Structure formats: structure tokens, C-alpha cells
Amino acid sequence: MIQLIELTVNGERHDLVVEPRRTLVDVLRHDLGLTGTHVGCEHGVCGACTVLVDGAPVRACLVFAVQCEKTDIRTVESLADADGTLSDLQQSFADHHGLQCGFCTPGMLMLAEGFLAEEPDATKEEIRDVVAANLCRCTGYQTIVEAVDACARRRRAARQEVLGRSAS
């Protein structure tokens, strides 16, 4: 049995014919060629496949693609500009050495992006608790926490600057 579905991924609409049992991670990687989303444990434990669905971090290996119709899906490919310029979060990971082998990095980035959108005033301790949900075998998490915290501080400062200008 196959099903026609419409997915919106990184702002683009895609009409796909899929088997209902296909996971979102498989459709992203194999049908849409978005290989930035990594496949790790395939049991929802490692977080390597984390994407944003309607702004919330989701393990793409645990959800069927057909469940994601009428949602907004963002993958790690959505972070950088079209010209390849890194997003502020990606740059912060680079600046703070928040990656080593890079396998967990896409999932960490999407987890952090979703978390900071929801909790822009997050403390380092809150960031540490959140990133612990994804497995990283290389960094020891400290550099990831520092990267996310630095990005959050820059975003807060930029927000305050805009608010200060609009108040004058």
C-alpha cells in the first residue's frame, strides 16, 4: 500500500508517494536527499535524527512521514543561508569547538535551535539538561553547552538592542 502525502520541509512543499510505514528520517534522507539529518540508533535514544516539527524537536526515526502532513518540518539544512553562511548557532558551535566527529552535530543543532526558540532566556544549567537528551561520544558536552549559551547570550543582546531602539 502506498500513500500520497504533502510535506513542507525547510519552507518547500513536496508531494511524495510513500509507504505509510516509512519513517520521516528515511523520507528526508532517501526521497528528498536531505542527508544532514543523521540516522543513529533508530530507536529514539541518540537524538542524531532530531529535526523540528512545528518548531518542536522531534526524533525523526520515531515518527512516520505520513504523520507530518500539514506541519512545518525543518532540518539542519535550514540553518545556513543559501550562500553557505553559517547561522549564528552553527557559528557558535564552530567558535566554541562544540563538535568533533560531527555525527551528533545536526541533531544537537536542531535540538538547541528548537529549545532556544522556546526558552530564549535559558540558563547554562537548563541548556545542559536539554543537550543531555542527545548522545555525544566525543565532546563531553561542555563545549556544546558553551556554544549554545554563547548563542543565547548574543540573541538576547540583539533582542535588547532592538527593544532599546524601538523604545526611543
Protein backbone atom coordinates (compact mmCIF):
# COMPACT_ATOMS: atom_id res chain seq x y z
CA MET A 1 0.00 0.00 0.00
CA ILE A 2 1.25 3.48 -0.82
CA GLN A 3 0.01 6.91 0.08
CA LEU A 4 0.34 10.34 -1.48
CA ILE A 5 1.48 12.90 1.08
CA GLU A 6 2.44 16.54 1.04
CA LEU A 7 5.34 17.59 3.26
CA THR A 8 6.65 21.09 3.83
CA VAL A 9 10.37 20.81 4.53
CA ASN A 10 12.60 23.85 5.01
CA GLY A 11 9.87 26.01 3.51
CA GLU A 12 9.46 23.93 0.35
CA ARG A 13 6.42 21.83 -0.48
CA HIS A 14 7.00 18.26 -1.62
CA ASP A 15 4.41 15.81 -2.97
CA LEU A 16 5.58 12.27 -2.25
CA VAL A 17 4.30 8.77 -2.67
CA VAL A 18 5.37 6.71 0.34
CA GLU A 19 4.52 3.57 2.20
CA PRO A 20 2.76 4.53 5.45
CA ARG A 21 5.41 2.66 7.47
CA ARG A 22 8.30 4.86 6.22
CA THR A 23 9.87 6.99 8.90
CA LEU A 24 10.40 10.70 8.49
CA VAL A 25 14.18 10.29 8.65
CA ASP A 26 14.11 7.81 5.76
CA VAL A 27 11.94 10.08 3.62
CA LEU A 28 14.12 13.11 4.39
CA ARG A 29 17.34 11.31 3.54
CA HIS A 30 16.33 8.96 0.72
CA ASP A 31 13.45 10.71 -1.01
CA LEU A 32 14.42 14.36 -0.51
CA GLY A 33 18.21 13.97 -0.37
CA LEU A 34 18.49 15.88 2.91
CA THR A 35 21.31 13.82 4.37
CA GLY A 36 22.19 16.31 7.09
CA THR A 37 19.73 14.50 9.34
CA HIS A 38 21.70 11.52 10.58
CA VAL A 39 20.45 8.03 11.36
CA GLY A 40 21.87 6.69 14.59
CA CYS A 41 20.17 4.19 16.84
CA GLU A 42 16.78 4.12 15.04
CA HIS A 43 15.15 3.74 18.48
CA GLY A 44 14.82 7.40 19.50
CA VAL A 45 17.63 7.21 22.04
CA CYS A 46 20.60 9.01 20.48
CA GLY A 47 18.98 12.13 19.00
CA ALA A 48 21.12 12.18 15.85
CA CYS A 49 17.95 12.40 13.75
CA THR A 50 16.42 15.36 15.60
CA VAL A 51 14.50 17.78 13.37
CA LEU A 52 11.97 20.49 14.17
CA VAL A 53 8.31 19.78 13.51
CA ASP A 54 6.22 22.90 14.01
CA GLY A 55 9.17 24.31 15.95
CA ALA A 56 9.50 21.44 18.40
CA PRO A 57 12.41 19.00 18.41
CA VAL A 58 11.29 15.54 17.21
CA ARG A 59 13.20 12.29 16.72
CA ALA A 60 12.65 11.69 13.01
CA CYS A 61 13.28 7.96 13.43
CA LEU A 62 10.23 7.64 15.69
CA VAL A 63 7.66 9.39 13.55
CA PHE A 64 6.15 8.23 10.29
CA ALA A 65 6.36 10.66 7.39
CA VAL A 66 2.58 10.42 6.90
CA GLN A 67 2.12 11.83 10.41
CA CYS A 68 3.88 15.03 9.37
CA GLU A 69 1.43 16.25 6.77
CA LYS A 70 0.25 19.80 7.46
CA THR A 71 3.30 20.52 9.61
CA ASP A 72 6.37 22.66 9.13
CA ILE A 73 9.48 20.47 9.14
CA ARG A 74 12.95 21.99 9.50
CA THR A 75 16.17 20.07 9.07
CA VAL A 76 19.74 21.16 9.74
CA GLU A 77 19.95 22.30 6.11
CA SER A 78 17.55 25.13 7.01
CA LEU A 79 20.02 26.78 9.37
CA ALA A 80 22.66 28.11 6.96
CA ASP A 81 21.96 30.84 4.42
CA ALA A 82 21.63 29.89 0.75
CA ASP A 83 25.17 31.18 0.14
CA GLY A 84 26.54 28.83 2.80
CA THR A 85 26.93 31.44 5.55
CA LEU A 86 26.50 29.66 8.86
CA SER A 87 23.66 30.58 11.19
CA ASP A 88 24.59 32.18 14.50
CA LEU A 89 24.12 28.84 16.25
CA GLN A 90 26.28 26.95 13.76
CA GLN A 91 28.98 29.62 14.03
CA SER A 92 28.84 29.39 17.80
CA PHE A 93 29.40 25.62 17.60
CA ALA A 94 32.43 26.27 15.39
CA ASP A 95 33.78 29.06 17.62
CA HIS A 96 33.42 27.01 20.82
CA HIS A 97 34.56 23.69 19.34
CA GLY A 98 31.12 22.22 20.02
CA LEU A 99 31.74 19.38 17.60
CA GLN A 100 34.41 16.82 16.99
CA CYS A 101 33.43 13.87 14.82
CA GLY A 102 30.24 15.72 13.79
CA PHE A 103 27.88 12.77 13.89
CA CYS A 104 25.68 14.20 16.65
CA THR A 105 26.03 17.80 15.48
CA PRO A 106 22.94 18.10 13.22
CA GLY A 107 20.71 16.67 15.94
CA MET A 108 22.33 18.87 18.59
CA LEU A 109 21.90 21.95 16.43
CA MET A 110 18.22 21.28 15.81
CA LEU A 111 17.59 20.42 19.47
CA ALA A 112 19.28 23.67 20.52
CA GLU A 113 17.50 25.74 17.84
CA GLY A 114 14.11 24.48 18.99
CA PHE A 115 14.97 24.93 22.66
CA LEU A 116 16.29 28.49 22.26
CA ALA A 117 13.18 29.47 20.29
CA GLU A 118 11.07 28.25 23.20
CA GLU A 119 13.39 29.37 26.01
CA PRO A 120 15.44 32.36 24.82
CA ASP A 121 16.47 33.20 28.39
CA ALA A 122 17.71 29.69 29.19
CA THR A 123 20.41 29.31 31.82
CA LYS A 124 23.53 27.23 31.32
CA GLU A 125 22.06 24.59 33.64
CA GLU A 126 18.86 24.41 31.58
CA ILE A 127 20.92 24.14 28.39
CA ARG A 128 23.00 21.36 29.95
CA ASP A 129 19.82 19.43 30.86
CA VAL A 130 18.41 19.78 27.34
CA VAL A 131 21.52 18.79 25.39
CA ALA A 132 21.96 15.76 27.62
CA ALA A 133 18.95 14.29 25.79
CA ASN A 134 21.16 13.74 22.72
CA LEU A 135 24.19 11.46 22.80
CA CYS A 136 27.64 12.78 22.03
CA ARG A 137 30.60 10.45 22.38
CA CYS A 138 33.33 13.00 21.64
CA THR A 139 32.92 16.39 23.27
CA GLY A 140 31.96 15.70 26.86
CA TYR A 141 29.10 18.21 26.28
CA GLN A 142 30.86 21.18 27.91
CA THR A 143 31.78 22.81 24.60
CA ILE A 144 28.26 22.20 23.28
CA VAL A 145 26.77 23.87 26.36
CA GLU A 146 29.17 26.80 25.95
CA ALA A 147 28.26 27.13 22.27
CA VAL A 148 24.51 27.15 22.92
CA ASP A 149 24.89 29.53 25.87
CA ALA A 150 27.02 31.96 23.84
CA CYS A 151 24.47 31.94 21.02
CA ALA A 152 21.63 32.50 23.51
CA ARG A 153 23.50 35.45 25.07
CA ARG A 154 24.11 37.02 21.64
CA ARG A 155 20.47 36.61 20.68
CA ARG A 156 19.34 38.16 23.97
CA ALA A 157 21.71 41.12 23.47
CA ALA A 158 20.42 41.62 19.91
CA ARG A 159 16.83 41.45 21.15
CA GLN A 160 17.57 44.04 23.85
CA GLU A 161 19.23 46.31 21.30
CA VAL A 162 16.16 46.16 19.06
CA LEU A 163 13.85 46.79 22.01
CA GLY A 164 16.02 49.71 23.12
CA ARG A 165 15.88 51.27 19.64
CA SER A 166 12.12 50.83 19.37
CA ALA A 167 11.58 52.41 22.80
CA SER A 168 13.42 55.59 21.77
